[in-house]
Amino acid sequence: MKRILITSPHFTGEAELLFREDGVLCKIDMSGCNMRKATAFSFKNVVPGHIDELQQAFTDKQVTVREAEYEVSFEMFWIAYAKKINKARAQPVWDKLSKSQQVSAWAGIKQYDKFLKKENWRKKADPENYLRSAMWENEWS
């Protein structure tokens, strides 16, 4: 996941854009800045759907675009996974994952949960097994 921070003299704070590993925009977060309604509307219309178009989208605009590291804490994972079992066993497995794997594991929870809801006969794996088996890499459909 790529995290892009946008600043401008037209607002204070930073707007955050998140792009998935395949470069597709997945989130626009303007809670860290104080854009006026009209500015926010214009901003959303300028933000491209793919990271490859990002530089071109903000050419001739008074903005600063910078990439920042995106981190997901174990607590964020634990809350999102929502199966509260064997936390003490899951934490060390999480700590051994790279930052990129941690982000992917956290982001993959939503697709995994959607699959489980559709296939209601299948039980959700314990968090430790989800992490140890890299289940976020499965194609849940």
Protein backbone atom coordinates (compact mmCIF):
# COMPACT_ATOMS: atom_id res chain seq x y z
CA MET A 1 0.00 0.00 0.00
CA LYS A 2 1.32 3.45 -0.87
CA ARG A 3 0.53 6.45 1.27
CA ILE A 4 0.66 9.88 -0.36
CA LEU A 5 0.40 13.13 1.61
CA ILE A 6 -0.77 16.32 -0.08
CA THR A 7 -0.22 19.82 1.32
CA SER A 8 -1.16 23.18 -0.15
CA PRO A 9 -1.28 26.86 0.77
CA HIS A 10 -5.07 26.62 0.16
CA PHE A 11 -5.58 24.59 3.36
CA THR A 12 -3.78 23.69 6.56
CA GLY A 13 -2.83 20.13 7.42
CA GLU A 14 -2.44 17.20 5.06
CA ALA A 15 -4.77 15.23 2.85
CA GLU A 16 -3.94 11.53 2.63
CA LEU A 17 -4.32 9.25 -0.38
CA LEU A 18 -3.93 5.48 -0.14
CA PHE A 19 -3.20 3.35 -3.18
CA ARG A 20 -3.29 -0.46 -3.20
CA GLU A 21 -0.28 -2.50 -4.32
CA ASP A 22 -1.71 -2.59 -7.87
CA GLY A 23 -1.75 1.23 -7.89
CA VAL A 24 -5.52 1.70 -7.63
CA LEU A 25 -6.80 4.44 -5.32
CA CYS A 26 -8.55 2.96 -2.30
CA LYS A 27 -8.96 5.89 0.10
CA ILE A 28 -9.02 9.67 0.27
CA ASP A 29 -8.77 11.02 3.82
CA MET A 30 -9.17 14.74 4.35
CA SER A 31 -9.73 14.57 8.10
CA GLY A 32 -6.18 15.80 8.69
CA CYS A 33 -6.78 19.13 7.00
CA ASN A 34 -9.30 21.95 7.00
CA MET A 35 -10.39 22.22 3.37
CA ARG A 36 -13.40 24.33 2.57
CA LYS A 37 -16.28 22.50 0.91
CA ALA A 38 -15.50 23.89 -2.56
CA THR A 39 -11.80 23.06 -2.21
CA ALA A 40 -12.59 19.51 -1.08
CA PHE A 41 -14.92 19.01 -4.04
CA SER A 42 -12.26 20.24 -6.49
CA PHE A 43 -9.59 18.15 -4.78
CA LYS A 44 -11.64 14.95 -5.09
CA ASN A 45 -12.19 15.63 -8.78
CA VAL A 46 -8.45 16.06 -9.41
CA VAL A 47 -7.28 12.93 -7.54
CA PRO A 48 -6.67 10.19 -10.12
CA GLY A 49 -7.86 6.61 -9.78
CA HIS A 50 -4.35 5.23 -10.36
CA ILE A 51 -1.02 6.20 -8.84
CA ASP A 52 0.67 6.37 -12.26
CA GLU A 53 -1.48 9.41 -13.07
CA LEU A 54 -0.77 11.19 -9.78
CA GLN A 55 2.07 13.48 -10.87
CA GLN A 56 0.23 14.57 -14.01
CA ALA A 57 -2.98 15.25 -12.05
CA PHE A 58 -1.27 17.77 -9.79
CA THR A 59 0.91 19.48 -12.41
CA ASP A 60 0.30 23.25 -12.40
CA LYS A 61 -1.42 23.00 -9.01
CA GLN A 62 -0.08 24.65 -5.88
CA VAL A 63 0.40 21.44 -3.96
CA THR A 64 3.21 19.39 -2.53
CA VAL A 65 2.98 15.65 -3.10
CA ARG A 66 5.13 13.31 -1.02
CA GLU A 67 5.14 9.61 -0.33
CA ALA A 68 5.07 8.53 3.31
CA GLU A 69 5.42 5.12 4.88
CA TYR A 70 2.16 3.42 5.72
CA GLU A 71 2.20 1.43 8.91
CA VAL A 72 -0.37 -0.80 10.51
CA SER A 73 0.02 -1.65 14.18
CA PHE A 74 -0.82 -5.01 15.68
CA GLU A 75 -3.67 -3.33 17.58
CA MET A 76 -5.16 -2.09 14.28
CA PHE A 77 -4.96 -5.65 12.95
CA TRP A 78 -6.41 -7.11 16.15
CA ILE A 79 -9.40 -4.76 16.09
CA ALA A 80 -10.08 -5.33 12.38
CA TYR A 81 -9.74 -9.11 12.57
CA ALA A 82 -12.41 -9.28 15.26
CA LYS A 83 -11.76 -12.87 16.36
CA LYS A 84 -10.29 -12.39 19.79
CA ILE A 85 -8.41 -15.61 20.46
CA ASN A 86 -4.72 -16.32 21.23
CA LYS A 87 -3.51 -12.74 21.07
CA ALA A 88 -0.25 -13.70 22.77
CA ARG A 89 0.44 -16.24 20.00
CA ALA A 90 -0.56 -13.93 17.15
CA GLN A 91 1.59 -10.96 18.23
CA PRO A 92 5.01 -12.62 17.63
CA VAL A 93 3.88 -13.84 14.20
CA TRP A 94 2.80 -10.28 13.35
CA ASP A 95 6.14 -8.89 14.54
CA LYS A 96 8.03 -11.19 12.13
CA LEU A 97 6.11 -9.87 9.09
CA SER A 98 7.59 -7.09 7.00
CA LYS A 99 5.82 -3.69 7.04
CA SER A 100 4.45 -4.44 3.58
CA GLN A 101 3.12 -7.85 4.70
CA GLN A 102 1.52 -6.26 7.76
CA VAL A 103 -0.33 -3.75 5.59
CA SER A 104 -1.41 -6.49 3.19
CA ALA A 105 -2.56 -8.75 6.04
CA TRP A 106 -4.63 -5.94 7.53
CA ALA A 107 -6.06 -4.89 4.15
CA GLY A 108 -6.92 -8.52 3.27
CA ILE A 109 -9.23 -8.95 6.24
CA LYS A 110 -12.15 -7.23 4.51
CA GLN A 111 -12.05 -9.57 1.48
CA TYR A 112 -11.64 -12.62 3.73
CA ASP A 113 -14.63 -11.58 5.85
CA LYS A 114 -16.71 -11.00 2.73
CA PHE A 115 -15.86 -14.51 1.53
CA LEU A 116 -16.76 -16.03 4.91
CA LYS A 117 -20.10 -14.24 4.91
CA LYS A 118 -20.90 -15.71 1.50
CA GLU A 119 -19.62 -19.18 2.46
CA ASN A 120 -21.25 -19.28 5.89
CA TRP A 121 -20.37 -22.95 6.42
CA ARG A 122 -16.69 -22.06 6.79
CA LYS A 123 -15.30 -20.87 10.14
CA LYS A 124 -12.91 -17.94 10.44
CA ALA A 125 -9.31 -18.95 11.11
CA ASP A 126 -7.66 -17.94 14.36
CA PRO A 127 -5.64 -14.72 13.91
CA GLU A 128 -2.38 -16.62 14.40
CA ASN A 129 -3.27 -19.07 11.59
CA TYR A 130 -4.40 -16.24 9.31
CA LEU A 131 -1.00 -14.59 9.73
CA ARG A 132 1.14 -17.73 9.72
CA SER A 133 -0.57 -19.05 6.55
CA ALA A 134 -0.51 -15.65 4.78
CA MET A 135 -4.21 -16.09 4.09
CA TRP A 136 -4.50 -12.52 2.77
CA GLU A 137 -2.70 -13.77 -0.36
CA ASN A 138 -5.58 -16.14 -1.23
CA GLU A 139 -8.02 -15.15 -3.92
CA TRP A 140 -11.22 -15.06 -1.88
CA SER A 141 -14.18 -15.03 -4.22
